[in-house]
N, C-alpha and C. Protein backbone atom coordinates (compact mmCIF):
# COMPACT_ATOMS: atom_id res chain seq x y z
N MET A 1 103.38 205.86 92.53
CA MET A 1 103.25 207.08 93.34
C MET A 1 102.76 208.20 92.45
N ASN A 2 101.69 208.87 92.85
CA ASN A 2 101.17 209.96 92.02
C ASN A 2 101.90 211.27 92.34
N THR A 3 101.60 212.31 91.56
CA THR A 3 102.28 213.61 91.71
C THR A 3 102.07 214.19 93.10
N ARG A 4 100.86 214.06 93.62
CA ARG A 4 100.57 214.62 94.95
C ARG A 4 101.45 213.95 96.00
N ASP A 5 101.57 212.60 95.96
CA ASP A 5 102.41 211.89 96.92
C ASP A 5 103.87 212.31 96.80
N ARG A 6 104.34 212.47 95.56
CA ARG A 6 105.73 212.90 95.34
C ARG A 6 105.96 214.28 95.95
N ASN A 7 105.01 215.20 95.74
CA ASN A 7 105.16 216.55 96.28
C ASN A 7 105.16 216.56 97.81
N LEU A 8 104.33 215.72 98.42
CA LEU A 8 104.29 215.68 99.88
C LEU A 8 105.56 215.11 100.47
N ARG A 9 106.24 214.27 99.72
CA ARG A 9 107.47 213.65 100.23
C ARG A 9 108.71 214.46 99.86
N ASP A 10 108.54 215.50 99.09
CA ASP A 10 109.66 216.36 98.69
C ASP A 10 110.28 216.99 99.93
N PRO A 11 111.61 216.90 100.11
CA PRO A 11 112.28 217.44 101.30
C PRO A 11 111.99 218.92 101.54
N LYS A 12 111.76 219.70 100.47
CA LYS A 12 111.49 221.12 100.69
C LYS A 12 110.18 221.34 101.45
N PHE A 13 109.26 220.35 101.38
CA PHE A 13 108.01 220.46 102.13
C PHE A 13 108.19 220.01 103.58
N GLU A 14 109.22 219.22 103.86
CA GLU A 14 109.40 218.66 105.19
C GLU A 14 110.25 219.52 106.11
N SER A 15 111.09 220.36 105.57
CA SER A 15 111.99 221.13 106.42
C SER A 15 111.21 222.11 107.29
N GLY A 16 111.40 221.98 108.59
CA GLY A 16 110.77 222.90 109.52
C GLY A 16 109.31 222.61 109.82
N LEU A 17 108.70 221.66 109.16
CA LEU A 17 107.30 221.34 109.40
C LEU A 17 107.19 220.10 110.29
N LEU A 18 106.36 220.18 111.28
CA LEU A 18 106.21 219.06 112.20
C LEU A 18 105.12 218.09 111.80
N VAL A 19 104.08 218.58 111.12
CA VAL A 19 102.93 217.74 110.81
C VAL A 19 102.66 217.67 109.32
N VAL A 20 102.67 218.82 108.63
CA VAL A 20 102.30 218.86 107.22
C VAL A 20 103.24 217.96 106.42
N GLY A 21 102.64 217.09 105.63
CA GLY A 21 103.41 216.19 104.77
C GLY A 21 103.95 214.98 105.48
N LYS A 22 103.58 214.77 106.73
CA LYS A 22 104.10 213.63 107.49
C LYS A 22 102.95 212.79 108.01
N ASP A 23 103.23 211.51 108.18
CA ASP A 23 102.26 210.64 108.83
C ASP A 23 102.20 211.01 110.31
N VAL A 24 101.01 211.12 110.83
CA VAL A 24 100.84 211.43 112.25
C VAL A 24 100.17 210.23 112.90
N PRO A 25 100.93 209.46 113.65
CA PRO A 25 100.31 208.28 114.27
C PRO A 25 99.32 208.71 115.35
N ARG A 26 98.18 208.04 115.37
CA ARG A 26 97.16 208.31 116.38
C ARG A 26 97.29 207.23 117.46
N ALA A 27 97.43 207.66 118.68
CA ALA A 27 97.60 206.72 119.78
C ALA A 27 96.40 205.79 119.93
N ASP A 28 95.21 206.25 119.56
CA ASP A 28 94.01 205.45 119.74
C ASP A 28 93.54 204.74 118.48
N ALA A 29 94.31 204.81 117.40
CA ALA A 29 93.86 204.24 116.13
C ALA A 29 93.70 202.72 116.19
N VAL A 30 94.71 202.01 116.67
CA VAL A 30 94.66 200.54 116.68
C VAL A 30 93.52 200.04 117.56
N PRO A 31 93.38 200.54 118.80
CA PRO A 31 92.24 200.05 119.60
C PRO A 31 90.88 200.33 118.95
N LYS A 32 90.76 201.46 118.27
CA LYS A 32 89.48 201.78 117.64
C LYS A 32 89.18 200.86 116.46
N VAL A 33 90.15 200.64 115.58
CA VAL A 33 89.87 199.83 114.40
C VAL A 33 89.79 198.34 114.71
N THR A 34 90.35 197.91 115.85
CA THR A 34 90.27 196.50 116.22
C THR A 34 89.09 196.20 117.14
N GLY A 35 88.39 197.26 117.57
CA GLY A 35 87.24 197.06 118.45
C GLY A 35 87.62 196.93 119.91
N ALA A 36 88.87 197.16 120.24
CA ALA A 36 89.31 197.03 121.63
C ALA A 36 89.13 198.30 122.45
N ALA A 37 88.86 199.41 121.79
CA ALA A 37 88.70 200.69 122.51
C ALA A 37 87.48 200.62 123.43
N GLN A 38 87.60 201.27 124.58
CA GLN A 38 86.48 201.31 125.52
C GLN A 38 85.80 202.66 125.43
N TYR A 39 84.49 202.64 125.29
CA TYR A 39 83.67 203.84 125.23
C TYR A 39 82.81 203.92 126.49
N VAL A 40 82.22 205.06 126.74
CA VAL A 40 81.39 205.23 127.92
C VAL A 40 80.29 204.16 127.98
N ALA A 41 79.71 203.84 126.84
CA ALA A 41 78.63 202.84 126.81
C ALA A 41 79.14 201.45 127.19
N ASP A 42 80.46 201.24 127.16
CA ASP A 42 81.03 199.94 127.51
C ASP A 42 81.29 199.81 129.01
N ILE A 43 81.18 200.89 129.75
CA ILE A 43 81.51 200.87 131.18
C ILE A 43 80.29 200.40 131.97
N HIS A 44 80.51 199.41 132.80
CA HIS A 44 79.44 198.88 133.66
C HIS A 44 79.98 198.80 135.08
N ILE A 45 79.38 199.56 135.97
CA ILE A 45 79.78 199.61 137.38
C ILE A 45 78.63 199.02 138.19
N PRO A 46 78.92 198.18 139.17
CA PRO A 46 77.84 197.62 139.99
C PRO A 46 76.97 198.74 140.58
N GLY A 47 75.66 198.59 140.44
CA GLY A 47 74.71 199.57 140.97
C GLY A 47 74.52 200.79 140.08
N MET A 48 75.17 200.79 138.93
CA MET A 48 75.08 201.95 138.03
C MET A 48 73.65 202.11 137.50
N LEU A 49 73.23 203.35 137.38
CA LEU A 49 71.92 203.65 136.79
C LEU A 49 72.11 204.25 135.41
N HIS A 50 71.10 204.13 134.59
CA HIS A 50 71.11 204.66 133.23
C HIS A 50 70.02 205.72 133.13
N ALA A 51 70.32 206.79 132.41
CA ALA A 51 69.37 207.89 132.30
C ALA A 51 68.80 207.98 130.89
N ALA A 52 67.60 208.50 130.82
CA ALA A 52 66.97 208.83 129.54
C ALA A 52 66.19 210.13 129.76
N VAL A 53 66.11 210.92 128.71
CA VAL A 53 65.48 212.24 128.82
C VAL A 53 64.31 212.32 127.85
N LEU A 54 63.19 212.83 128.34
CA LEU A 54 62.03 213.11 127.49
C LEU A 54 62.19 214.53 126.96
N ARG A 55 62.11 214.67 125.65
CA ARG A 55 62.30 215.98 125.01
C ARG A 55 61.01 216.43 124.33
N SER A 56 60.85 217.72 124.25
CA SER A 56 59.64 218.30 123.66
C SER A 56 59.60 218.08 122.15
N PRO A 57 58.43 217.71 121.63
CA PRO A 57 58.27 217.63 120.18
C PRO A 57 57.88 218.98 119.57
N HIS A 58 57.68 219.98 120.43
CA HIS A 58 57.18 221.28 119.97
C HIS A 58 58.24 222.37 120.13
N PRO A 59 58.28 223.32 119.21
CA PRO A 59 59.23 224.42 119.34
C PRO A 59 58.83 225.46 120.38
N HIS A 60 57.55 225.57 120.69
CA HIS A 60 57.09 226.55 121.67
C HIS A 60 55.74 226.09 122.19
N ALA A 61 55.66 225.79 123.47
CA ALA A 61 54.40 225.30 124.02
C ALA A 61 54.39 225.47 125.54
N ARG A 62 53.20 225.63 126.07
CA ARG A 62 53.02 225.65 127.52
C ARG A 62 52.80 224.21 127.96
N ILE A 63 53.45 223.83 129.04
CA ILE A 63 53.24 222.49 129.60
C ILE A 63 51.99 222.56 130.47
N VAL A 64 50.93 221.87 130.03
CA VAL A 64 49.67 221.87 130.77
C VAL A 64 49.75 220.87 131.92
N SER A 65 50.26 219.67 131.63
CA SER A 65 50.40 218.66 132.69
C SER A 65 51.43 217.62 132.27
N ILE A 66 52.00 216.99 133.28
CA ILE A 66 52.94 215.89 133.06
C ILE A 66 52.52 214.76 133.98
N ASP A 67 52.22 213.59 133.39
CA ASP A 67 51.84 212.42 134.17
C ASP A 67 52.99 211.42 134.13
N THR A 68 53.68 211.27 135.25
CA THR A 68 54.82 210.36 135.33
C THR A 68 54.47 209.07 136.09
N SER A 69 53.21 208.89 136.43
CA SER A 69 52.82 207.77 137.30
C SER A 69 53.18 206.41 136.71
N ALA A 70 52.96 206.21 135.42
CA ALA A 70 53.30 204.91 134.81
C ALA A 70 54.80 204.67 134.86
N ALA A 71 55.58 205.69 134.60
CA ALA A 71 57.04 205.55 134.64
C ALA A 71 57.51 205.21 136.06
N ARG A 72 56.94 205.86 137.05
CA ARG A 72 57.34 205.63 138.45
C ARG A 72 57.02 204.21 138.92
N ARG A 73 56.00 203.59 138.34
CA ARG A 73 55.59 202.23 138.74
C ARG A 73 56.41 201.15 138.05
N MET A 74 57.16 201.48 137.04
CA MET A 74 57.88 200.45 136.29
C MET A 74 59.01 199.83 137.12
N PRO A 75 59.11 198.49 137.12
CA PRO A 75 60.22 197.84 137.82
C PRO A 75 61.55 198.31 137.23
N GLY A 76 62.50 198.60 138.10
CA GLY A 76 63.82 199.04 137.65
C GLY A 76 63.97 200.55 137.59
N VAL A 77 62.86 201.28 137.65
CA VAL A 77 62.94 202.75 137.63
C VAL A 77 63.24 203.22 139.05
N LYS A 78 64.31 203.98 139.19
CA LYS A 78 64.74 204.47 140.50
C LYS A 78 64.37 205.93 140.75
N ALA A 79 64.25 206.71 139.68
CA ALA A 79 63.90 208.13 139.85
C ALA A 79 63.28 208.67 138.57
N VAL A 80 62.32 209.55 138.74
CA VAL A 80 61.70 210.29 137.63
C VAL A 80 61.62 211.73 138.09
N ILE A 81 62.17 212.65 137.29
CA ILE A 81 62.10 214.06 137.68
C ILE A 81 61.58 214.91 136.52
N THR A 82 60.95 216.00 136.89
CA THR A 82 60.50 217.01 135.93
C THR A 82 61.08 218.35 136.39
N GLY A 83 60.81 219.38 135.66
CA GLY A 83 61.29 220.71 136.04
C GLY A 83 60.81 221.13 137.41
N GLU A 84 59.64 220.65 137.82
CA GLU A 84 59.11 221.00 139.14
C GLU A 84 59.93 220.38 140.26
N ASP A 85 60.72 219.34 139.95
CA ASP A 85 61.54 218.68 140.97
C ASP A 85 62.94 219.26 141.07
N THR A 86 63.31 220.12 140.14
CA THR A 86 64.67 220.66 140.12
C THR A 86 64.72 222.01 140.82
N ALA A 87 65.93 222.45 141.08
CA ALA A 87 66.12 223.78 141.68
C ALA A 87 65.58 224.83 140.73
N LYS A 88 64.94 225.81 141.27
CA LYS A 88 64.37 226.88 140.44
C LYS A 88 65.42 227.95 140.17
N GLN A 89 66.64 227.50 139.87
CA GLN A 89 67.72 228.42 139.60
C GLN A 89 68.12 228.31 138.14
N LYS A 90 68.05 229.41 137.44
CA LYS A 90 68.39 229.43 136.02
C LYS A 90 69.90 229.51 135.84
N TRP A 91 70.37 229.09 134.68
CA TRP A 91 71.78 229.20 134.32
C TRP A 91 71.87 229.65 132.88
N GLY A 92 73.01 230.13 132.47
CA GLY A 92 73.21 230.58 131.10
C GLY A 92 74.53 231.31 130.95
N ALA A 93 74.97 231.50 129.72
CA ALA A 93 76.28 232.10 129.45
C ALA A 93 76.31 233.60 129.75
N PHE A 94 75.42 234.37 129.13
CA PHE A 94 75.43 235.82 129.32
C PHE A 94 74.53 236.25 130.47
N ARG A 95 73.40 235.60 130.57
CA ARG A 95 72.49 235.88 131.68
C ARG A 95 71.72 234.60 131.94
N PRO A 96 71.39 234.32 133.18
CA PRO A 96 70.66 233.09 133.48
C PRO A 96 69.28 233.10 132.83
N ASP A 97 69.03 232.15 131.93
CA ASP A 97 67.72 232.09 131.28
C ASP A 97 67.25 230.65 131.02
N LEU A 98 67.99 229.67 131.50
CA LEU A 98 67.62 228.27 131.26
C LEU A 98 67.51 227.50 132.57
N TYR A 99 66.57 226.57 132.61
CA TYR A 99 66.46 225.64 133.73
C TYR A 99 67.01 224.29 133.27
N PRO A 100 67.44 223.43 134.21
CA PRO A 100 67.91 222.10 133.80
C PRO A 100 66.83 221.30 133.05
N LEU A 101 65.58 221.41 133.51
CA LEU A 101 64.43 220.81 132.82
C LEU A 101 63.37 221.90 132.70
N ALA A 102 62.61 221.86 131.62
CA ALA A 102 61.61 222.90 131.37
C ALA A 102 60.63 223.02 132.53
N ILE A 103 60.32 224.26 132.86
CA ILE A 103 59.34 224.55 133.91
C ILE A 103 58.23 225.39 133.28
N GLY A 104 57.06 224.76 133.10
CA GLY A 104 55.90 225.50 132.61
C GLY A 104 55.83 225.74 131.12
N LYS A 105 56.98 225.70 130.44
CA LYS A 105 56.98 226.07 129.02
C LYS A 105 58.21 225.46 128.35
N VAL A 106 58.03 224.99 127.11
CA VAL A 106 59.18 224.55 126.31
C VAL A 106 59.47 225.63 125.28
N ARG A 107 60.75 225.79 124.96
CA ARG A 107 61.15 226.91 124.11
C ARG A 107 61.80 226.49 122.80
N TYR A 108 62.02 225.20 122.63
CA TYR A 108 62.57 224.70 121.37
C TYR A 108 62.29 223.21 121.26
N THR A 109 62.23 222.73 120.04
CA THR A 109 62.05 221.30 119.81
C THR A 109 63.26 220.59 120.41
N GLY A 110 63.02 219.65 121.30
CA GLY A 110 64.11 218.96 121.97
C GLY A 110 64.38 219.48 123.36
N ASP A 111 63.66 220.52 123.79
CA ASP A 111 63.82 221.04 125.15
C ASP A 111 63.58 219.89 126.13
N GLU A 112 64.39 219.79 127.17
CA GLU A 112 64.30 218.70 128.13
C GLU A 112 63.11 218.90 129.07
N VAL A 113 62.22 217.91 129.12
CA VAL A 113 60.98 218.02 129.90
C VAL A 113 61.01 217.14 131.15
N ALA A 114 61.55 215.94 131.05
CA ALA A 114 61.61 215.02 132.18
C ALA A 114 62.82 214.11 132.00
N ALA A 115 63.26 213.50 133.11
CA ALA A 115 64.38 212.57 133.05
C ALA A 115 64.08 211.37 133.94
N VAL A 116 64.61 210.22 133.53
CA VAL A 116 64.40 208.98 134.25
C VAL A 116 65.76 208.34 134.53
N ALA A 117 65.92 207.77 135.72
CA ALA A 117 67.09 206.95 136.05
C ALA A 117 66.58 205.55 136.33
N ALA A 118 67.19 204.56 135.67
CA ALA A 118 66.73 203.18 135.82
C ALA A 118 67.93 202.23 135.81
N THR A 119 67.68 200.99 136.17
CA THR A 119 68.74 200.00 136.27
C THR A 119 69.24 199.51 134.92
N ASP A 120 68.53 199.84 133.87
CA ASP A 120 68.86 199.34 132.54
C ASP A 120 68.50 200.42 131.52
N PRO A 121 69.30 200.60 130.47
CA PRO A 121 68.97 201.66 129.50
C PRO A 121 67.63 201.46 128.80
N GLU A 122 67.27 200.21 128.54
CA GLU A 122 65.98 199.95 127.88
C GLU A 122 64.82 200.30 128.79
N ILE A 123 64.97 200.02 130.08
CA ILE A 123 63.92 200.38 131.04
C ILE A 123 63.80 201.90 131.12
N ALA A 124 64.93 202.59 131.14
CA ALA A 124 64.90 204.06 131.19
C ALA A 124 64.17 204.63 129.98
N ARG A 125 64.48 204.08 128.79
CA ARG A 125 63.81 204.57 127.57
C ARG A 125 62.31 204.25 127.59
N ALA A 126 61.96 203.05 128.04
CA ALA A 126 60.54 202.67 128.12
C ALA A 126 59.81 203.56 129.12
N ALA A 127 60.45 203.89 130.22
CA ALA A 127 59.82 204.76 131.21
C ALA A 127 59.59 206.16 130.64
N VAL A 128 60.57 206.68 129.92
CA VAL A 128 60.40 207.99 129.28
C VAL A 128 59.24 207.94 128.30
N ASP A 129 59.15 206.85 127.55
CA ASP A 129 58.05 206.71 126.57
C ASP A 129 56.69 206.64 127.25
N SER A 130 56.65 206.24 128.52
CA SER A 130 55.35 206.12 129.21
C SER A 130 54.89 207.44 129.85
N ILE A 131 55.75 208.43 129.85
CA ILE A 131 55.38 209.73 130.43
C ILE A 131 54.44 210.46 129.47
N ILE A 132 53.34 210.95 130.02
CA ILE A 132 52.34 211.65 129.20
C ILE A 132 52.40 213.14 129.51
N VAL A 133 52.65 213.92 128.48
CA VAL A 133 52.71 215.37 128.64
C VAL A 133 51.63 215.98 127.77
N GLN A 134 50.85 216.86 128.36
CA GLN A 134 49.87 217.63 127.58
C GLN A 134 50.45 219.02 127.37
N TYR A 135 50.46 219.43 126.10
CA TYR A 135 51.01 220.73 125.73
C TYR A 135 49.91 221.61 125.16
N GLU A 136 50.05 222.90 125.36
CA GLU A 136 49.26 223.89 124.64
C GLU A 136 50.27 224.55 123.70
N VAL A 137 50.16 224.21 122.43
CA VAL A 137 51.12 224.73 121.46
C VAL A 137 50.93 226.24 121.32
N LEU A 138 52.04 226.96 121.38
CA LEU A 138 52.04 228.42 121.29
C LEU A 138 52.64 228.86 119.96
N PRO A 139 52.30 230.05 119.50
CA PRO A 139 52.93 230.54 118.27
C PRO A 139 54.43 230.72 118.50
N GLY A 140 55.18 230.50 117.46
CA GLY A 140 56.63 230.62 117.57
C GLY A 140 57.18 231.65 116.60
N ALA A 141 58.43 231.97 116.78
CA ALA A 141 59.17 232.83 115.86
C ALA A 141 60.29 231.97 115.30
N PHE A 142 60.36 231.85 113.98
CA PHE A 142 61.28 230.91 113.38
C PHE A 142 62.37 231.55 112.54
N SER A 143 62.50 232.85 112.67
CA SER A 143 63.61 233.56 112.02
C SER A 143 63.95 234.76 112.90
N LEU A 144 65.10 235.33 112.66
CA LEU A 144 65.50 236.50 113.42
C LEU A 144 64.51 237.64 113.22
N ASP A 145 64.08 237.84 111.97
CA ASP A 145 63.12 238.92 111.69
C ASP A 145 61.81 238.70 112.45
N GLU A 146 61.31 237.46 112.46
CA GLU A 146 60.07 237.17 113.20
C GLU A 146 60.26 237.40 114.70
N ALA A 147 61.39 236.97 115.24
CA ALA A 147 61.63 237.09 116.67
C ALA A 147 61.79 238.54 117.12
N MET A 148 62.29 239.40 116.23
CA MET A 148 62.53 240.80 116.59
C MET A 148 61.36 241.71 116.23
N ALA A 149 60.35 241.19 115.55
CA ALA A 149 59.20 242.01 115.14
C ALA A 149 58.38 242.43 116.37
N PRO A 150 57.79 243.62 116.31
CA PRO A 150 56.92 244.05 117.42
C PRO A 150 55.80 243.03 117.63
N GLY A 151 55.56 242.67 118.89
CA GLY A 151 54.50 241.73 119.21
C GLY A 151 54.87 240.27 118.99
N ALA A 152 56.14 239.99 118.70
CA ALA A 152 56.57 238.60 118.48
C ALA A 152 56.39 237.78 119.75
N PRO A 153 56.11 236.48 119.61
CA PRO A 153 56.02 235.63 120.79
C PRO A 153 57.35 235.67 121.55
N LEU A 154 57.28 235.79 122.86
CA LEU A 154 58.50 235.86 123.65
C LEU A 154 59.04 234.47 123.95
N VAL A 155 60.32 234.29 123.76
CA VAL A 155 60.96 233.03 124.12
C VAL A 155 60.96 232.92 125.65
N HIS A 156 61.36 234.00 126.30
CA HIS A 156 61.34 234.07 127.76
C HIS A 156 60.45 235.25 128.15
N ASP A 157 59.48 234.98 128.99
CA ASP A 157 58.51 236.02 129.36
C ASP A 157 59.17 237.23 130.02
N ASP A 158 60.32 237.02 130.65
CA ASP A 158 60.99 238.13 131.33
C ASP A 158 62.07 238.79 130.47
N THR A 159 62.03 238.53 129.16
CA THR A 159 63.01 239.11 128.24
C THR A 159 62.28 239.85 127.13
N PRO A 160 61.99 241.13 127.35
CA PRO A 160 61.26 241.90 126.33
C PRO A 160 62.04 241.97 125.02
N GLY A 161 61.32 241.80 123.92
CA GLY A 161 61.93 241.93 122.60
C GLY A 161 62.80 240.77 122.18
N ASN A 162 62.84 239.69 122.97
CA ASN A 162 63.63 238.50 122.63
C ASN A 162 65.12 238.79 122.50
N VAL A 163 65.61 239.79 123.20
CA VAL A 163 67.05 240.08 123.20
C VAL A 163 67.61 239.60 124.53
N ALA A 164 68.40 238.54 124.47
CA ALA A 164 68.94 237.96 125.70
C ALA A 164 70.04 238.81 126.30
N HIS A 165 70.87 239.39 125.44
CA HIS A 165 71.99 240.18 125.95
C HIS A 165 72.42 241.15 124.86
N GLU A 166 72.66 242.35 125.26
CA GLU A 166 73.09 243.37 124.30
C GLU A 166 74.29 244.10 124.90
N PHE A 167 75.33 244.26 124.10
CA PHE A 167 76.49 244.99 124.58
C PHE A 167 77.19 245.67 123.40
N ALA A 168 77.89 246.73 123.71
CA ALA A 168 78.66 247.44 122.69
C ALA A 168 80.13 247.13 122.92
N PHE A 169 80.83 246.89 121.83
CA PHE A 169 82.25 246.58 121.92
C PHE A 169 82.98 247.48 120.95
N GLU A 170 83.92 248.22 121.46
CA GLU A 170 84.70 249.10 120.61
C GLU A 170 86.12 249.13 121.15
N ARG A 171 87.09 248.99 120.25
CA ARG A 171 88.48 249.03 120.67
C ARG A 171 89.25 249.87 119.68
N GLY A 172 90.00 250.80 120.17
CA GLY A 172 90.79 251.65 119.29
C GLY A 172 89.95 252.77 118.70
N GLU A 173 90.49 253.40 117.69
CA GLU A 173 89.84 254.52 117.02
C GLU A 173 89.10 254.01 115.79
N VAL A 174 87.90 253.53 115.98
CA VAL A 174 87.12 252.92 114.90
C VAL A 174 86.85 253.91 113.78
N ASP A 175 86.36 255.10 114.12
CA ASP A 175 86.05 256.09 113.08
C ASP A 175 87.29 256.47 112.29
N ALA A 176 88.41 256.66 112.97
CA ALA A 176 89.66 257.00 112.27
C ALA A 176 90.09 255.85 111.36
N GLY A 177 89.90 254.64 111.81
CA GLY A 177 90.24 253.47 111.00
C GLY A 177 89.41 253.40 109.73
N PHE A 178 88.10 253.68 109.85
CA PHE A 178 87.25 253.70 108.66
C PHE A 178 87.67 254.80 107.70
N LYS A 179 87.99 255.98 108.22
CA LYS A 179 88.42 257.09 107.36
C LYS A 179 89.73 256.76 106.65
N ALA A 180 90.64 256.12 107.36
CA ALA A 180 91.93 255.77 106.78
C ALA A 180 91.80 254.68 105.73
N SER A 181 90.75 253.90 105.80
CA SER A 181 90.59 252.80 104.84
C SER A 181 89.97 253.23 103.52
N ASP A 182 89.44 254.45 103.45
CA ASP A 182 88.81 254.93 102.21
C ASP A 182 89.83 255.34 101.17
């Protein structure tokens, strides 16, 4: 037993502590290490479909066209959607600024452009790979300074200055607190 183990087992470290210095059994440890645990990928329900998403390779680009015809013809493909097929309702934390799938423009590498539902995960991935998207790559801003500079490319055309949300937060007597801290 090394010094660290001895110190952790010392009664003065255990009094009043529920976790520190004690073994904490994990309810899911045995199933995980034995391979018996069930994960989402292990679940198979009759008639279940598998999804795959086509993501943008560009950080900022206009979507010129999307050709999903090859994906739609593939056996096992049940649905192919693009931003044009989704509700034109934005969502977001501070203000709505995102669509479920990109509409007209991608704003970051990995932005979701199209989605496929198929009877098998491999078919879904193959269908996504068959979708042809033509992009017009646009200039991007890759730092805060670039994004805030006058004339910077806009992430969202309806958000001047690339500021999604601005608010002031003040609680208590801030000025008095600063004076008292000197």
